Amino acid sequence: MTGDGTNLRKLLVVEDDPGLQAQLKWAYEDYQVLVAGDHDAAIEQLRAEEPDVVTLDLGLPPDRDGTREGFRTLQAILEAKPDTKVIVVSGHGERASALSAIANGAWDFYQKPIDIDELGLIVRRAFHVRELEVENARLARQGAGDNRVLGGMITGAPEMLKVARTIERVANLDVSVMLLGASGTGKELLARGLHEASARRDGAFVAINCAAIPENLLESELFGHEKGAFTGAVKTTEGKIELAHGGTLFLDEVGDIPLPLQVKLLRFLQERTIERIGGRKAIAVDTRIVCATHRDLDAMIAGQSFRDDLYYRLAEMVVKIPSLAERPGDAVLLARHFLHQYAPEMNPGVRGFAPDALQAIDEGRWPGNVRELENRIKRAVIMADGKLVMREDLDLATSEADGEEAWLNLRSAREAADRVAIRRAMMQSEGNISAAAKLLGISRPTLYDLLKQYRMQA
């Protein structure tokens, strides 16, 4: 910080009373205070210095007894720099004018006579909100760019980055891949990313949810049918396997395929040929299979509801997808992404999250994973009344007791908690050690020691 205060946050005071100008300039020693006595001087200072917060007396010359000049200045400020937080100051009995200023874009108002301490609180709150908006915008850009990995998935968690690297390694190998994970963890997004990273990227990517199609129709969906094969088969139709020739077929919820159809799917994987329903000739098909399920296939094999030979054909490479709760920091990244995706259409006034909302998102268990988070953020954007989504807009319980993790001992529990806290701090600080240490309330050397101890990358 320099002696002339040039590194301080900039506050523009628009006030024509020289005595009050001096009083306010003296009172706000934590800011670089800029002063203007009329409309033209205010706009000149605004363009030259770009202050984030402005206090504006509505009674400016040449209309000291009215508000016309004050409103003209307010409009000019917001046109020149729309993100400015303007706090209008009105005389006694002019509350209606202050409320009208709020309706026209002012951030807050204060009535004379001025109480320096009370006005100071409003000014500090305005700076805090503006800083949150800047941080939200920065992290939104980060979430939309630097944190996109395979298939456009947004993540900064090492657990998910490891999954992405694994899929990238097998993308160009001619092996079947099985993605295991809970509903809503992004299995189809990863499957599409695998396809796009493979040599089959110019072929079709075809997806089918085996649990969403009635059992009596699933065979036709997968293998197709010939004209007249059954009532309603008015024309020959290719199945999904055939449509994905030269590309990739994604079988979601493969555990829901009935046993008789499992036999036919196994035959295709062994011989790479299919027969449509009602057909008599084998059709050669070059289709790569990627499948996913949230079900316990080992238990299904033991219960003889899923064929073990089919499993081994489908699971040449198994990739386990972590839940959102197992990806520290990702909930906040994704929440910001969804807010900026939905706000422009559903509630354009919403610009970001209040601190308590971010904390609730970060600490949530999210049993429905990314899909649940997306729906929750969409609802919160619609329900928000101001520029920031508040915790109550999320409609989250104050505490979520989904069970406690069982640890080997207190030492392992502490280590796990340390790892989560460090990852979140490093993500919020964009890898800046000093900033992360400050967030954690420890010194830089201590953070370096912990990173080394836990073998975490700086």
Protein backbone atom coordinates (compact mmCIF):
# COMPACT_ATOMS: atom_id res chain seq x y z
CA MET A 1 0.00 0.00 0.00
CA THR A 2 1.45 3.38 -0.97
CA GLY A 3 1.34 6.53 1.08
CA ASP A 4 -0.89 8.38 -1.38
CA GLY A 5 -3.57 5.67 -1.12
CA THR A 6 -3.54 4.83 -4.83
CA ASN A 7 -3.90 1.11 -4.04
CA LEU A 8 -7.01 1.68 -1.93
CA ARG A 9 -10.52 1.01 -3.18
CA LYS A 10 -11.99 4.08 -4.88
CA LEU A 11 -15.04 5.89 -3.49
CA LEU A 12 -16.51 8.84 -5.39
CA VAL A 13 -18.35 11.39 -3.22
CA VAL A 14 -20.68 13.62 -5.28
CA GLU A 15 -21.50 16.50 -2.92
CA ASP A 16 -21.50 20.28 -3.49
CA ASP A 17 -21.04 21.32 0.19
CA PRO A 18 -17.26 21.90 0.71
CA GLY A 19 -17.54 21.33 4.46
CA LEU A 20 -19.30 17.99 4.02
CA GLN A 21 -16.83 17.05 1.29
CA ALA A 22 -13.94 17.52 3.71
CA GLN A 23 -15.75 15.65 6.50
CA LEU A 24 -16.46 12.63 4.31
CA LYS A 25 -12.96 12.59 2.87
CA TRP A 26 -11.50 12.58 6.37
CA ALA A 27 -13.92 9.89 7.59
CA TYR A 28 -13.20 7.38 4.83
CA GLU A 29 -9.48 6.85 5.37
CA ASP A 30 -9.80 3.20 4.27
CA TYR A 31 -10.66 4.35 0.75
CA GLN A 32 -9.19 6.57 -1.92
CA VAL A 33 -11.87 9.26 -1.78
CA LEU A 34 -12.58 11.21 -4.97
CA VAL A 35 -14.74 14.34 -4.77
CA ALA A 36 -17.04 16.00 -7.30
CA GLY A 37 -19.37 18.95 -6.78
CA ASP A 38 -21.62 18.70 -9.83
CA HIS A 39 -22.78 16.48 -12.69
CA ASP A 40 -19.92 17.20 -15.09
CA ALA A 41 -17.19 16.75 -12.47
CA ALA A 42 -18.79 13.49 -11.30
CA ILE A 43 -18.85 11.97 -14.78
CA GLU A 44 -15.29 13.15 -15.43
CA GLN A 45 -14.08 11.43 -12.24
CA LEU A 46 -16.10 8.32 -13.03
CA ARG A 47 -14.54 7.93 -16.49
CA ALA A 48 -11.01 8.69 -15.29
CA GLU A 49 -10.93 6.67 -12.04
CA GLU A 50 -13.71 4.05 -12.46
CA PRO A 51 -14.75 3.90 -8.79
CA ASP A 52 -16.86 0.92 -7.73
CA VAL A 53 -18.97 2.87 -5.20
CA VAL A 54 -20.45 6.39 -5.43
CA THR A 55 -22.34 8.42 -2.81
CA LEU A 56 -24.58 10.88 -4.65
CA ASP A 57 -26.40 13.86 -3.15
CA LEU A 58 -29.59 14.28 -5.15
CA GLY A 59 -29.61 18.06 -4.50
CA LEU A 60 -26.87 19.14 -6.91
CA PRO A 61 -26.43 22.56 -8.50
CA PRO A 62 -28.02 24.24 -10.31
CA ASP A 63 -31.06 22.48 -8.72
CA ARG A 64 -29.96 22.37 -5.06
CA ASP A 65 -33.55 22.50 -3.77
CA GLY A 66 -34.78 19.79 -6.17
CA THR A 67 -33.66 16.41 -7.42
CA ARG A 68 -33.65 16.86 -11.20
CA GLU A 69 -29.86 17.25 -11.46
CA GLY A 70 -29.25 14.40 -9.04
CA PHE A 71 -31.38 12.03 -11.11
CA ARG A 72 -29.65 13.18 -14.30
CA THR A 73 -26.29 12.38 -12.69
CA LEU A 74 -27.50 8.98 -11.48
CA GLN A 75 -28.64 8.07 -14.99
CA ALA A 76 -25.33 9.21 -16.51
CA ILE A 77 -23.29 7.20 -13.96
CA LEU A 78 -25.21 3.99 -14.60
CA GLU A 79 -25.06 4.46 -18.37
CA ALA A 80 -21.29 4.96 -18.26
CA LYS A 81 -20.56 2.20 -15.73
CA PRO A 82 -23.62 -0.02 -15.03
CA ASP A 83 -21.92 -2.08 -12.30
CA THR A 84 -21.35 0.99 -10.07
CA LYS A 85 -22.95 0.82 -6.63
CA VAL A 86 -24.60 4.25 -6.24
CA ILE A 87 -25.77 5.26 -2.75
CA VAL A 88 -28.09 8.27 -3.04
CA VAL A 89 -28.19 10.79 -0.21
CA SER A 90 -31.39 12.79 0.15
CA GLY A 91 -32.54 15.57 2.45
CA HIS A 92 -35.01 15.16 5.30
CA GLY A 93 -38.48 14.33 4.04
CA GLU A 94 -37.32 13.24 0.59
CA ARG A 95 -37.73 9.50 1.14
CA ALA A 96 -40.00 9.23 -1.91
CA SER A 97 -37.22 10.64 -4.11
CA ALA A 98 -34.74 8.16 -2.64
CA LEU A 99 -37.05 5.24 -3.32
CA SER A 100 -37.55 6.50 -6.87
CA ALA A 101 -33.76 6.56 -7.26
CA ILE A 102 -33.62 2.92 -6.14
CA ALA A 103 -36.23 2.06 -8.77
CA ASN A 104 -34.01 3.75 -11.35
CA GLY A 105 -30.93 1.71 -10.52
CA ALA A 106 -29.41 3.18 -7.33
CA TRP A 107 -28.05 0.50 -4.99
CA ASP A 108 -29.12 2.04 -1.64
CA PHE A 109 -30.05 5.37 -0.06
CA TYR A 110 -29.39 7.39 3.07
CA GLN A 111 -31.24 10.40 4.48
CA LYS A 112 -29.63 13.55 5.89
CA PRO A 113 -28.47 14.59 8.42
CA ILE A 114 -25.54 12.29 7.74
CA ASP A 115 -24.29 9.91 10.42
CA ILE A 116 -20.76 9.06 9.27
CA ASP A 117 -20.68 5.66 10.98
CA GLU A 118 -24.04 4.57 9.62
CA LEU A 119 -23.27 5.73 6.09
CA GLY A 120 -19.87 4.05 6.41
CA LEU A 121 -21.58 0.70 7.02
CA ILE A 122 -23.64 1.12 3.84
CA VAL A 123 -20.50 2.03 1.87
CA ARG A 124 -18.59 -1.01 3.20
CA ARG A 125 -21.49 -3.29 2.33
CA ALA A 126 -21.58 -1.85 -1.19
CA PHE A 127 -17.87 -2.53 -1.69
CA HIS A 128 -18.31 -6.05 -0.33
CA VAL A 129 -21.14 -6.84 -2.73
CA ARG A 130 -19.18 -5.43 -5.67
CA GLU A 131 -16.18 -7.58 -4.73
CA LEU A 132 -18.42 -10.64 -4.62
CA GLU A 133 -19.74 -9.83 -8.10
CA VAL A 134 -16.19 -9.48 -9.46
CA GLU A 135 -15.15 -12.76 -7.83
CA ASN A 136 -18.25 -14.54 -9.12
CA ALA A 137 -17.52 -13.34 -12.65
CA ARG A 138 -13.89 -14.44 -12.43
CA LEU A 139 -14.77 -17.90 -11.13
CA ALA A 140 -17.57 -18.24 -13.67
CA ARG A 141 -15.02 -17.62 -16.43
CA GLN A 142 -12.72 -20.12 -14.77
CA GLY A 143 -15.53 -22.67 -14.47
CA ALA A 144 -16.44 -22.23 -18.13
CA GLY A 145 -12.88 -22.43 -19.41
CA ASP A 146 -9.96 -23.61 -17.32
CA ASN A 147 -11.99 -26.29 -15.54
CA ARG A 148 -13.49 -27.97 -18.60
CA VAL A 149 -12.11 -31.43 -19.25
CA LEU A 150 -13.12 -34.45 -21.32
CA GLY A 151 -16.53 -33.98 -22.96
CA GLY A 152 -16.87 -30.46 -21.57
CA MET A 153 -17.23 -31.71 -17.98
CA ILE A 154 -16.57 -28.97 -15.43
CA THR A 155 -14.30 -30.08 -12.59
CA GLY A 156 -11.26 -29.11 -10.60
CA ALA A 157 -11.25 -32.16 -8.33
CA PRO A 158 -8.28 -34.55 -8.62
CA GLU A 159 -10.65 -37.53 -8.36
CA MET A 160 -12.52 -36.47 -11.50
CA LEU A 161 -9.39 -35.38 -13.35
CA LYS A 162 -8.04 -38.90 -12.80
CA VAL A 163 -11.21 -40.33 -14.36
CA ALA A 164 -10.83 -38.03 -17.37
CA ARG A 165 -7.20 -39.04 -17.86
CA THR A 166 -8.12 -42.73 -17.68
CA ILE A 167 -10.83 -42.33 -20.32
CA GLU A 168 -8.49 -40.36 -22.58
CA ARG A 169 -5.95 -43.21 -22.37
CA VAL A 170 -8.42 -45.86 -23.49
CA ALA A 171 -10.26 -43.71 -26.04
CA ASN A 172 -8.24 -44.96 -29.00
CA LEU A 173 -8.07 -48.58 -27.83
CA ASP A 174 -10.65 -50.93 -29.30
CA VAL A 175 -12.02 -52.05 -25.93
CA SER A 176 -15.46 -51.89 -24.35
CA VAL A 177 -15.71 -49.45 -21.45
CA MET A 178 -18.06 -49.67 -18.47
CA LEU A 179 -18.76 -46.52 -16.42
CA LEU A 180 -19.92 -47.22 -12.89
CA GLY A 181 -21.44 -44.46 -10.79
CA ALA A 182 -24.57 -43.12 -9.15
CA SER A 183 -27.32 -41.43 -11.15
CA GLY A 184 -26.53 -37.85 -12.09
CA THR A 185 -22.73 -38.13 -12.00
CA GLY A 186 -22.26 -37.37 -15.70
CA LYS A 187 -21.78 -40.83 -17.20
CA GLU A 188 -23.27 -39.93 -20.58
CA LEU A 189 -21.16 -36.75 -20.74
CA LEU A 190 -18.03 -38.85 -20.16
CA ALA A 191 -19.15 -41.43 -22.72
CA ARG A 192 -19.57 -38.68 -25.29
CA GLY A 193 -16.15 -37.31 -24.33
CA LEU A 194 -14.63 -40.76 -24.87
CA HIS A 195 -16.22 -40.91 -28.33
CA GLU A 196 -14.95 -37.44 -29.27
CA ALA A 197 -11.42 -38.32 -28.09
CA SER A 198 -11.36 -41.54 -30.15
CA ALA A 199 -10.64 -42.31 -33.79
CA ARG A 200 -14.40 -42.88 -34.17
CA ARG A 201 -15.19 -39.20 -33.56
CA ASP A 202 -16.41 -38.72 -37.15
CA GLY A 203 -18.92 -41.54 -36.70
CA ALA A 204 -22.23 -41.35 -34.88
CA PHE A 205 -22.60 -41.23 -31.10
CA VAL A 206 -25.86 -43.02 -30.28
CA ALA A 207 -27.23 -43.20 -26.73
CA ILE A 208 -30.03 -45.36 -25.37
CA ASN A 209 -31.33 -45.68 -21.82
CA CYS A 210 -32.16 -49.34 -21.36
CA ALA A 211 -34.24 -48.65 -18.26
CA ALA A 212 -36.50 -46.16 -20.04
CA ILE A 213 -37.72 -48.50 -22.79
CA PRO A 214 -40.33 -51.25 -22.16
CA GLU A 215 -38.84 -54.74 -22.25
CA ASN A 216 -40.94 -55.80 -25.27
CA LEU A 217 -39.62 -52.85 -27.32
CA LEU A 218 -35.98 -52.85 -26.26
CA GLU A 219 -34.92 -55.62 -28.65
CA SER A 220 -36.33 -53.71 -31.62
CA GLU A 221 -34.65 -50.51 -30.43
CA LEU A 222 -31.26 -52.21 -30.23
CA PHE A 223 -31.33 -54.59 -33.20
CA GLY A 224 -33.97 -53.13 -35.51
CA HIS A 225 -36.66 -55.04 -37.39
CA GLU A 226 -37.72 -56.01 -40.88
CA LYS A 227 -40.97 -54.88 -42.46
CA GLY A 228 -43.84 -57.14 -41.34
CA ALA A 229 -41.85 -58.69 -38.47
CA PHE A 230 -44.70 -57.86 -36.06
CA THR A 231 -47.92 -55.91 -35.97
CA GLY A 232 -47.12 -52.27 -36.65
CA ALA A 233 -43.79 -52.98 -38.39
CA VAL A 234 -44.75 -51.14 -41.56
CA LYS A 235 -41.18 -50.61 -42.73
CA THR A 236 -37.69 -51.94 -42.18
CA THR A 237 -36.01 -50.05 -39.34
CA GLU A 238 -32.37 -50.05 -38.30
CA GLY A 239 -31.63 -50.51 -34.61
CA LYS A 240 -29.34 -48.39 -32.45
CA ILE A 241 -26.41 -50.81 -32.84
CA GLU A 242 -26.61 -50.51 -36.61
CA LEU A 243 -27.09 -46.73 -36.53
CA ALA A 244 -23.86 -46.43 -34.54
CA HIS A 245 -21.84 -48.29 -37.23
CA GLY A 246 -18.39 -46.67 -37.39
CA GLY A 247 -19.08 -44.84 -34.15
CA THR A 248 -20.04 -45.44 -30.53
CA LEU A 249 -23.17 -46.86 -28.87
CA PHE A 250 -23.75 -45.78 -25.28
CA LEU A 251 -25.90 -48.23 -23.33
CA ASP A 252 -27.03 -46.42 -20.19
CA GLU A 253 -28.41 -48.52 -17.33
CA VAL A 254 -27.19 -51.72 -18.98
CA GLY A 255 -28.10 -53.60 -15.81
CA ASP A 256 -31.76 -53.29 -16.80
CA ILE A 257 -31.42 -55.38 -19.97
CA PRO A 258 -33.54 -58.55 -19.52
CA LEU A 259 -31.76 -61.92 -19.57
CA PRO A 260 -33.09 -63.14 -22.98
CA LEU A 261 -31.83 -59.96 -24.63
CA GLN A 262 -28.48 -60.25 -22.82
CA VAL A 263 -27.85 -63.44 -24.83
CA LYS A 264 -28.40 -61.62 -28.13
CA LEU A 265 -26.19 -58.70 -27.08
CA LEU A 266 -23.43 -61.15 -26.09
CA ARG A 267 -23.61 -62.78 -29.50
CA PHE A 268 -23.14 -59.39 -31.17
CA LEU A 269 -20.10 -58.63 -29.00
CA GLN A 270 -18.57 -62.02 -29.87
CA GLU A 271 -19.32 -62.11 -33.60
CA ARG A 272 -19.78 -58.41 -34.45
CA THR A 273 -22.87 -59.22 -36.49
CA ILE A 274 -26.56 -58.68 -35.80
CA GLU A 275 -29.86 -59.97 -37.09
CA ARG A 276 -32.86 -57.66 -37.15
CA ILE A 277 -36.12 -58.98 -35.75
CA GLY A 278 -37.78 -60.92 -38.58
CA GLY A 279 -34.54 -60.99 -40.56
CA ARG A 280 -32.60 -64.02 -41.77
CA LYS A 281 -29.21 -62.65 -42.70
CA ALA A 282 -26.33 -61.56 -40.50
CA ILE A 283 -25.31 -57.91 -40.84
CA ALA A 284 -21.69 -56.99 -40.00
CA VAL A 285 -21.55 -53.95 -37.73
CA ASP A 286 -18.48 -52.08 -36.48
CA THR A 287 -19.78 -50.40 -33.36
CA ARG A 288 -17.94 -49.68 -30.14
CA ILE A 289 -19.92 -50.26 -26.94
CA VAL A 290 -19.65 -47.97 -23.94
CA CYS A 291 -22.06 -48.79 -21.13
CA ALA A 292 -22.99 -47.44 -17.73
CA THR A 293 -25.02 -48.43 -14.71
CA HIS A 294 -25.61 -47.41 -11.12
CA ARG A 295 -26.58 -50.97 -10.16
CA ASP A 296 -24.41 -53.51 -8.35
CA LEU A 297 -23.64 -55.90 -11.19
CA ASP A 298 -21.60 -58.23 -8.96
CA ALA A 299 -24.69 -58.81 -6.82
CA MET A 300 -26.83 -59.26 -9.94
CA ILE A 301 -24.37 -61.85 -11.30
CA ALA A 302 -24.49 -63.69 -7.99
CA GLY A 303 -28.29 -63.57 -8.15
CA GLN A 304 -28.19 -64.82 -11.77
CA SER A 305 -30.03 -61.77 -13.13
CA PHE A 306 -27.01 -60.61 -15.14
CA ARG A 307 -24.76 -62.88 -17.21
CA ASP A 308 -21.13 -62.98 -16.10
CA ASP A 309 -19.88 -63.68 -19.65
CA LEU A 310 -21.68 -60.55 -20.90
CA TYR A 311 -20.21 -58.56 -18.03
CA TYR A 312 -16.66 -59.53 -18.99
CA ARG A 313 -17.33 -58.54 -22.60
CA LEU A 314 -18.75 -55.18 -21.58
CA ALA A 315 -16.26 -54.46 -18.81
CA GLU A 316 -12.92 -54.79 -20.55
CA MET A 317 -12.16 -51.45 -18.92
CA VAL A 318 -14.09 -50.36 -15.81
CA VAL A 319 -14.08 -46.71 -14.75
CA LYS A 320 -15.67 -45.70 -11.44
CA ILE A 321 -17.21 -42.21 -11.39
CA PRO A 322 -17.06 -40.38 -8.03
CA SER A 323 -20.19 -38.77 -6.63
CA LEU A 324 -20.38 -34.97 -6.42
CA ALA A 325 -19.83 -35.20 -2.64
CA GLU A 326 -16.51 -36.93 -3.37
CA ARG A 327 -15.33 -34.03 -5.57
CA PRO A 328 -14.46 -31.17 -3.15
CA GLY A 329 -15.02 -27.74 -4.66
CA ASP A 330 -16.83 -28.97 -7.77
CA ALA A 331 -20.30 -28.15 -6.44
CA VAL A 332 -19.42 -24.44 -6.32
CA LEU A 333 -17.83 -24.50 -9.80
CA LEU A 334 -20.88 -26.21 -11.25
CA ALA A 335 -23.32 -23.96 -9.38
CA ARG A 336 -21.71 -20.87 -10.89
CA HIS A 337 -21.82 -22.46 -14.33
CA PHE A 338 -25.53 -23.30 -14.02
CA LEU A 339 -26.36 -19.83 -12.68
CA HIS A 340 -24.74 -18.12 -15.66
CA GLN A 341 -26.43 -20.62 -17.97
CA TYR A 342 -29.98 -20.07 -16.68
CA ALA A 343 -30.04 -16.51 -15.28
CA PRO A 344 -30.01 -14.62 -18.63
CA GLU A 345 -33.24 -16.32 -19.70
CA MET A 346 -35.03 -17.00 -16.41
CA ASN A 347 -34.05 -14.02 -14.21
CA PRO A 348 -31.60 -11.60 -15.88
CA GLY A 349 -31.12 -9.56 -12.71
CA VAL A 350 -29.34 -12.42 -10.93
CA ARG A 351 -25.56 -12.07 -11.10
CA GLY A 352 -24.14 -14.46 -8.49
CA PHE A 353 -24.39 -16.09 -5.05
CA ALA A 354 -24.40 -14.63 -1.56
CA PRO A 355 -21.64 -16.02 0.71
CA ASP A 356 -24.10 -18.08 2.78
CA ALA A 357 -25.47 -19.67 -0.41
CA LEU A 358 -21.99 -20.63 -1.59
CA GLN A 359 -21.26 -22.15 1.81
CA ALA A 360 -24.46 -24.19 1.70
CA ILE A 361 -23.66 -25.44 -1.80
CA ASP A 362 -20.10 -26.33 -0.83
CA GLU A 363 -21.19 -28.23 2.29
CA GLY A 364 -24.15 -30.02 0.68
CA ARG A 365 -24.14 -33.82 0.31
CA TRP A 366 -26.02 -33.75 -3.03
CA PRO A 367 -27.33 -37.34 -3.09
CA GLY A 368 -28.75 -36.67 -6.58
CA ASN A 369 -25.33 -35.45 -7.72
CA VAL A 370 -24.93 -32.97 -10.59
CA ARG A 371 -28.51 -33.44 -11.80
CA GLU A 372 -29.88 -32.48 -8.38
CA LEU A 373 -27.53 -29.49 -8.14
CA GLU A 374 -28.57 -28.25 -11.59
CA ASN A 375 -32.27 -28.45 -10.73
CA ARG A 376 -31.68 -26.72 -7.39
CA ILE A 377 -29.75 -23.85 -8.99
CA LYS A 378 -32.37 -23.45 -11.72
CA ARG A 379 -35.07 -23.13 -9.05
CA ALA A 380 -32.97 -20.71 -6.98
CA VAL A 381 -32.40 -18.45 -10.00
CA ILE A 382 -36.15 -18.28 -10.57
CA MET A 383 -36.90 -17.59 -6.89
CA ALA A 384 -34.17 -14.99 -6.27
CA ASP A 385 -35.49 -11.46 -5.62
CA GLY A 386 -32.21 -9.56 -5.87
CA LYS A 387 -28.94 -9.73 -7.74
CA LEU A 388 -27.59 -12.52 -5.53
CA VAL A 389 -29.02 -15.98 -4.88
CA MET A 390 -29.47 -16.33 -1.13
CA ARG A 391 -29.32 -19.51 0.92
CA GLU A 392 -33.08 -19.54 1.39
CA ASP A 393 -33.55 -19.46 -2.39
CA LEU A 394 -31.82 -22.85 -2.55
CA ASP A 395 -34.38 -24.38 -0.17
CA LEU A 396 -31.71 -26.52 1.46
CA ALA A 397 -32.01 -28.00 4.93
CA THR A 398 -29.78 -26.28 7.51
CA SER A 399 -28.01 -29.57 8.12
CA GLU A 400 -27.86 -32.73 6.11
CA ALA A 401 -27.23 -35.87 8.16
CA ASP A 402 -26.69 -38.52 5.53
CA GLY A 403 -24.52 -40.61 7.80
CA GLU A 404 -20.95 -40.20 8.99
CA GLU A 405 -17.84 -41.54 7.37
CA ALA A 406 -16.17 -44.37 9.29
CA TRP A 407 -12.47 -43.67 9.76
CA LEU A 408 -9.69 -45.98 10.87
CA ASN A 409 -8.65 -43.56 13.62
CA LEU A 410 -8.65 -39.89 14.58
CA ARG A 411 -5.46 -39.30 12.63
CA SER A 412 -6.98 -40.52 9.34
CA ALA A 413 -10.12 -38.45 9.95
CA ARG A 414 -8.01 -35.32 10.48
CA GLU A 415 -5.98 -36.03 7.36
CA ALA A 416 -9.13 -36.45 5.25
CA ALA A 417 -10.57 -33.19 6.60
CA ASP A 418 -7.27 -31.41 5.94
CA ARG A 419 -7.18 -32.66 2.36
CA VAL A 420 -10.71 -31.45 1.64
CA ALA A 421 -10.08 -28.02 3.20
CA ILE A 422 -6.78 -27.59 1.33
CA ARG A 423 -8.31 -28.55 -2.02
CA ARG A 424 -11.14 -26.07 -1.57
CA ALA A 425 -8.79 -23.28 -0.54
CA MET A 426 -6.42 -23.98 -3.45
CA MET A 427 -9.34 -23.98 -5.88
CA GLN A 428 -10.80 -20.73 -4.53
CA SER A 429 -7.39 -19.05 -4.67
CA GLU A 430 -6.60 -20.43 -8.16
CA GLY A 431 -3.52 -22.19 -6.81
CA ASN A 432 -2.07 -19.11 -5.09
CA ILE A 433 -0.28 -20.47 -2.00
CA SER A 434 -0.37 -17.19 -0.04
CA ALA A 435 -4.08 -16.66 -0.69
CA ALA A 436 -4.90 -20.30 0.13
CA ALA A 437 -2.94 -20.11 3.39
CA LYS A 438 -4.85 -16.96 4.32
CA LEU A 439 -8.18 -18.69 3.64
CA LEU A 440 -7.09 -21.62 5.82
CA GLY A 441 -5.79 -19.35 8.60
CA ILE A 442 -2.27 -20.79 8.50
CA SER A 443 1.15 -19.60 7.35
CA ARG A 444 2.63 -20.27 3.92
CA PRO A 445 5.37 -22.58 5.33
CA THR A 446 2.70 -24.59 7.19
CA LEU A 447 0.67 -25.01 4.01
CA TYR A 448 3.78 -26.08 2.08
CA ASP A 449 4.50 -28.66 4.78
CA LEU A 450 0.94 -30.02 4.60
CA LEU A 451 1.06 -30.24 0.79
CA LYS A 452 4.31 -32.19 1.05
CA GLN A 453 3.03 -34.39 3.89
CA TYR A 454 -0.15 -35.33 2.04
CA ARG A 455 1.64 -35.51 -1.34
CA MET A 456 -0.69 -32.94 -2.85
CA GLN A 457 0.29 -30.78 -5.83
CA ALA A 458 0.77 -27.07 -5.20
